[in-house]
Protein backbone atom coordinates (compact mmCIF):
# COMPACT_ATOMS: atom_id res chain seq x y z
CA MET A 1 54.70 1.70 -20.69
CA ARG A 2 50.95 1.61 -20.39
CA SER A 3 48.94 -0.69 -22.58
CA PRO A 4 46.91 0.93 -25.38
CA THR A 5 43.25 1.71 -24.86
CA ARG A 6 41.00 -1.31 -25.32
CA VAL A 7 38.36 -1.14 -28.02
CA TRP A 8 35.04 -2.90 -28.62
CA PRO A 9 33.66 -3.63 -32.09
CA SER A 10 30.81 -1.41 -33.22
CA CYS A 11 28.17 -2.47 -35.76
CA SER A 12 28.00 1.00 -37.26
CA SER A 13 31.47 2.43 -37.45
CA GLY A 14 34.11 -0.24 -37.04
CA TYR A 15 35.91 0.07 -33.71
CA VAL A 16 35.15 2.59 -31.02
CA PRO A 17 37.14 3.35 -27.84
CA LEU A 18 36.06 1.49 -24.75
CA THR A 19 36.49 4.58 -22.59
CA ASP A 20 34.05 7.45 -23.07
CA PRO A 21 35.93 10.77 -23.36
CA THR A 22 32.84 12.68 -22.21
CA PRO A 23 33.13 13.51 -18.48
CA HIS A 24 30.42 12.15 -16.22
CA THR A 25 29.24 13.35 -12.85
CA PRO A 26 28.54 10.68 -10.22
CA THR A 27 24.84 10.19 -9.52
CA ALA A 28 23.79 10.70 -5.93
CA PRO A 29 22.28 7.60 -4.33
CA ALA A 30 18.58 7.51 -3.53
CA PRO A 31 17.65 8.72 -0.05
CA ALA A 32 17.08 6.04 2.55
CA ALA A 33 13.41 5.25 3.05
CA PRO A 34 11.94 5.56 6.56
CA PRO A 35 11.10 2.29 8.35
CA PRO A 36 7.44 1.16 8.28
CA THR A 37 5.24 1.87 11.26
CA LEU A 38 4.58 -0.73 13.97
CA LEU A 39 0.93 -1.06 12.95
CA ARG A 40 1.87 -1.68 9.36
CA ARG A 41 4.57 -4.23 10.23
CA LEU A 42 2.18 -6.17 12.44
CA LEU A 43 -0.66 -6.00 9.92
CA MET A 44 1.50 -7.09 7.01
CA ARG A 45 3.03 -9.99 8.93
CA ILE A 46 -0.39 -11.36 9.89
CA LEU A 47 -1.90 -10.72 6.46
CA GLU A 48 0.92 -12.35 4.53
CA GLY A 49 0.81 -15.37 6.83
CA VAL A 50 -2.94 -15.78 6.33
CA VAL A 51 -2.62 -15.48 2.54
CA ALA A 52 0.15 -18.09 2.50
CA LEU A 53 -1.94 -20.48 4.61
CA LEU A 54 -5.03 -20.06 2.42
CA PHE A 55 -2.96 -20.59 -0.72
CA ALA A 56 -1.53 -23.82 0.73
CA LEU A 57 -5.06 -25.03 1.51
CA LEU A 58 -6.14 -24.10 -2.01
CA LEU A 59 -3.30 -26.13 -3.48
CA LEU A 60 -4.15 -29.15 -1.32
CA ALA A 61 -7.83 -28.95 -2.28
CA VAL A 62 -7.03 -28.85 -6.00
CA LEU A 63 -4.53 -31.71 -5.74
CA TRP A 64 -6.97 -33.84 -3.74
CA GLY A 65 -9.71 -33.17 -6.29
CA VAL A 66 -7.45 -34.25 -9.16
CA PHE A 67 -6.31 -37.36 -7.24
CA THR A 68 -9.82 -38.49 -6.39
CA ARG A 69 -11.09 -37.88 -9.91
CA TYR A 70 -8.35 -39.49 -12.01
CA VAL A 71 -6.82 -42.01 -9.61
CA MET A 72 -9.67 -43.16 -7.36
CA GLY A 73 -12.33 -42.67 -10.03
CA ASP A 74 -14.73 -40.92 -7.62
CA ALA A 75 -14.22 -37.15 -7.44
CA ALA A 76 -14.76 -35.51 -4.08
CA GLY A 77 -17.57 -33.01 -4.49
CA TRP A 78 -16.40 -30.57 -1.85
CA THR A 79 -13.02 -29.86 -3.46
CA GLU A 80 -14.42 -27.68 -6.24
CA GLU A 81 -16.38 -25.49 -3.85
CA ALA A 82 -13.46 -25.28 -1.43
CA ALA A 83 -11.04 -24.33 -4.19
CA ARG A 84 -13.41 -21.68 -5.52
CA GLY A 85 -13.98 -20.14 -2.10
CA LEU A 86 -10.30 -20.21 -1.18
CA LEU A 87 -9.40 -18.62 -4.50
CA ILE A 88 -11.76 -15.73 -3.79
CA TRP A 89 -10.29 -15.22 -0.32
CA VAL A 90 -6.72 -15.37 -1.64
CA SER A 91 -7.59 -12.87 -4.38
CA MET A 92 -9.20 -10.39 -1.98
CA LEU A 93 -6.55 -10.56 0.72
CA GLY A 94 -3.78 -10.78 -1.88
CA GLY A 95 -5.08 -7.55 -3.38
CA ALA A 96 -4.58 -5.86 -0.01
CA VAL A 97 -1.03 -7.24 0.20
CA ALA A 98 -0.28 -6.04 -3.33
CA TYR A 99 -1.58 -2.57 -2.50
CA ALA A 100 0.61 -2.42 0.59
CA TRP A 101 3.68 -3.25 -1.53
CA SER A 102 2.65 -0.91 -4.40
CA ALA A 103 2.56 -3.94 -6.69
CA HIS A 104 -0.66 -3.09 -8.54
CA LEU A 105 -0.43 -2.04 -12.17
CA GLY A 106 0.13 1.68 -12.60
CA ILE A 107 1.25 4.11 -15.30
CA ASP A 108 3.46 6.89 -13.95
CA VAL A 109 5.00 8.24 -17.16
CA LEU A 110 3.31 11.62 -16.84
CA VAL A 111 3.60 11.82 -13.05
CA ALA A 112 7.34 11.09 -13.09
CA GLY A 113 7.97 14.34 -14.97
CA LEU A 114 6.19 16.55 -12.43
CA HIS A 115 7.67 18.61 -9.63
CA PRO A 116 8.32 16.61 -6.42
CA ARG A 117 5.54 18.46 -4.60
CA ALA A 118 3.15 17.71 -7.45
CA ARG A 119 4.13 14.04 -7.35
CA ARG A 120 3.45 14.02 -3.62
CA MET A 121 0.00 15.51 -4.17
CA MET A 122 -0.70 12.93 -6.85
CA ARG A 123 0.23 10.12 -4.46
CA ILE A 124 -2.04 11.56 -1.78
CA THR A 125 -4.87 11.88 -4.32
CA ALA A 126 -4.39 8.31 -5.50
CA HIS A 127 -4.44 6.94 -1.95
CA GLY A 128 -7.54 9.03 -1.25
CA ILE A 129 -9.38 7.57 -4.25
CA VAL A 130 -8.38 4.07 -3.14
CA ALA A 131 -9.66 4.79 0.38
CA LEU A 132 -13.02 6.03 -0.93
CA PHE A 133 -13.40 2.99 -3.19
CA ALA A 134 -12.48 0.61 -0.38
CA LEU A 135 -14.94 2.24 2.01
CA GLY A 136 -17.89 2.75 -0.33
CA VAL A 137 -17.71 -0.30 -2.59
CA MET A 138 -15.82 -2.99 -0.70
CA VAL A 139 -16.68 -2.32 2.95
CA LEU A 140 -20.23 -0.93 2.77
CA GLY A 141 -21.20 -2.82 -0.38
CA GLY A 142 -19.58 -6.03 0.83
CA LEU A 143 -21.36 -5.85 4.20
CA ASP A 144 -24.68 -5.33 2.44
CA LEU A 145 -24.02 -8.32 0.16
CA THR A 146 -22.99 -10.50 3.09
CA GLY A 147 -26.04 -9.48 5.14
CA ARG A 148 -28.43 -10.28 2.31
CA ALA A 149 -26.81 -13.68 1.81
CA PHE A 150 -27.36 -14.47 5.50
CA GLU A 151 -30.96 -13.25 5.35
CA LEU A 152 -31.77 -15.33 2.26
CA GLY A 153 -30.13 -18.39 3.79
CA GLN A 154 -27.96 -19.12 0.76
CA ILE A 155 -25.82 -22.22 1.31
CA LEU A 156 -23.24 -24.11 -0.72
CA ALA A 157 -24.54 -27.28 -2.34
CA ALA A 158 -21.73 -29.70 -1.49
CA SER A 159 -20.54 -28.52 1.93
CA GLY A 160 -23.75 -26.95 3.24
CA LEU A 161 -21.90 -23.90 4.54
CA PRO A 162 -23.45 -20.42 4.19
CA ARG A 163 -22.43 -18.68 0.99
CA ALA A 164 -22.01 -15.48 3.00
CA TYR A 165 -18.69 -16.84 4.32
CA ILE A 166 -17.27 -16.34 0.84
CA TYR A 167 -18.81 -12.87 0.44
CA LEU A 168 -17.30 -11.88 3.78
CA SER A 169 -13.88 -11.68 2.12
CA VAL A 170 -14.90 -8.49 0.28
CA PRO A 171 -15.56 -6.21 3.30
CA ILE A 172 -12.59 -7.64 5.22
CA ALA A 173 -10.20 -6.96 2.34
CA GLY A 174 -11.78 -3.53 1.87
CA GLY A 175 -11.23 -2.68 5.52
CA LEU A 176 -7.57 -3.69 5.28
CA ILE A 177 -7.06 -1.62 2.15
CA LEU A 178 -8.80 1.33 3.83
CA LEU A 179 -6.43 1.13 6.81
CA LEU A 180 -3.40 0.90 4.53
CA ALA A 181 -4.58 3.87 2.45
CA ILE A 182 -5.13 6.02 5.55
CA GLU A 183 -1.70 5.06 6.86
CA ALA A 184 -0.12 5.93 3.50
CA ILE A 185 -1.85 9.34 3.42
CA ALA A 186 -0.73 10.07 6.98
CA CYS A 187 2.87 9.22 6.08
CA GLU A 188 2.72 11.49 3.03
CA LEU A 189 1.33 14.38 5.06
CA ARG A 190 4.14 13.97 7.59
CA GLY A 191 6.66 14.03 4.78
CA ARG A 192 7.72 10.43 5.42
CA PRO A 193 6.28 8.32 2.58
CA ARG A 194 6.12 4.61 3.24
CA PRO A 195 9.10 2.61 1.90
CA GLU A 196 7.10 0.99 -0.88
CA ALA A 197 6.14 4.42 -2.23
CA HIS A 198 9.67 4.66 -3.62
CA ARG A 199 8.76 1.92 -6.08
CA GLY A 200 5.34 3.30 -6.85
CA LEU A 201 3.73 6.43 -8.23
CA GLY A 202 6.07 9.08 -9.52
CA HIS A 203 9.26 8.32 -7.62
CA THR A 204 12.39 9.42 -9.40
CA GLY A 205 14.75 9.85 -6.47
CA GLY A 206 18.04 8.40 -7.62
CA ASP A 207 18.96 5.82 -10.19
CA ALA A 208 19.19 2.31 -8.81
CA GLY A 209 21.51 1.33 -11.59
CA ALA A 210 23.80 4.34 -11.35
CA VAL A 211 27.41 3.73 -10.40
CA GLU A 212 30.19 6.09 -9.68
CA ASP A 213 32.63 6.84 -12.44
CA VAL A 214 35.79 4.82 -12.01
CA PRO A 215 38.85 5.96 -13.89
CA ASP A 216 40.07 3.49 -16.47
CA GLU A 217 43.54 2.38 -15.53
CA THR A 218 44.20 1.17 -19.03
CA ALA A 219 43.64 4.62 -20.55
CA PRO A 220 46.91 6.48 -21.19
CA ASP A 221 47.75 9.53 -19.13
CA SER A 222 47.66 12.93 -20.78
CA ASP A 223 51.44 13.20 -20.45
CA ALA A 224 52.01 9.71 -21.79
CA ALA A 225 49.74 10.33 -24.76
CA VAL A 226 51.99 13.21 -26.02
CA SER A 227 54.55 12.08 -28.55
CA PRO A 228 58.29 12.76 -27.95
CA SER A 229 58.44 15.15 -30.93
CA ALA A 230 55.55 17.16 -29.53
CA ARG A 231 57.31 17.35 -26.19
CA ALA A 232 60.47 18.61 -27.88
CA GLY A 233 58.45 21.27 -29.68
CA GLN A 234 56.83 22.36 -26.42
CA ALA A 235 60.27 22.55 -24.74
CA GLU A 236 61.67 24.72 -27.54
CA GLY A 237 58.64 27.03 -27.37
C-alpha cells in the first residue's frame, strides 16, 4: 500500500497537498552560447591581469600609507598620490572589463517583452551608442586632455611625475571599450551574440531555474485512489 500524499502547512487555508494537480510542461533549456572569439579571449585575459595587478598595487600603497602614518609617525607623501592615480586606472580599466561581462547597471524590463528580433536590434543600438560615446568622449576627448596636460607641463607634487600619465587612462579605456563594442555588434550581425549577452539586455531564452517535472512517487496512483466500493459499482455497470 502506498503512503498517503504528504502535505505542507499553509498560512491561509490550513493544509494543502504537496503535489500540484495542475499538469506542467517541462521548460526547454537555454541554448548553448557560442564561444568567445580569439581576440576577445586574449584581450580579456590581458586586461583582467592588468586590473588585478593595479588593484594589488593600490592595496599596498594604501596599507603602506596607513602604516607610516599611524605606526611610524611620519606619513609617506607619495602614497596618497599613488593610491589616487591607481584608483583612477583601476576604475577606467575595470569599466572596460565590466562592459565586456555585461556587468554594468541596466534596466531591461521593457526590452524583455519585445520580439526576439526587436531585442536583437536594441542590443545592437545599445552597443552602437556605447561605441560612439567611447570614441567621441573617451578616446578623442581623453587624448585632447592628455595632450594639453603634457603641453602645460602639469606634474604631481609628491612624485614629480607628469599628471598626463593619470589622464592617459581615459583614452586607453575608451579604446578598449570601443573594440569590445565593435566586436559585440559584429557578433550580433552574424547572429552569434557574445556569451555575456545572455545575461545582459533583453535575454529571455530559457529559465535558469527551471527543472523538469518529476513524478511524485508518494502520490497514489489513479487506480489505487479508487475505493473498493467504487470499483464494485464500476464492475456492475
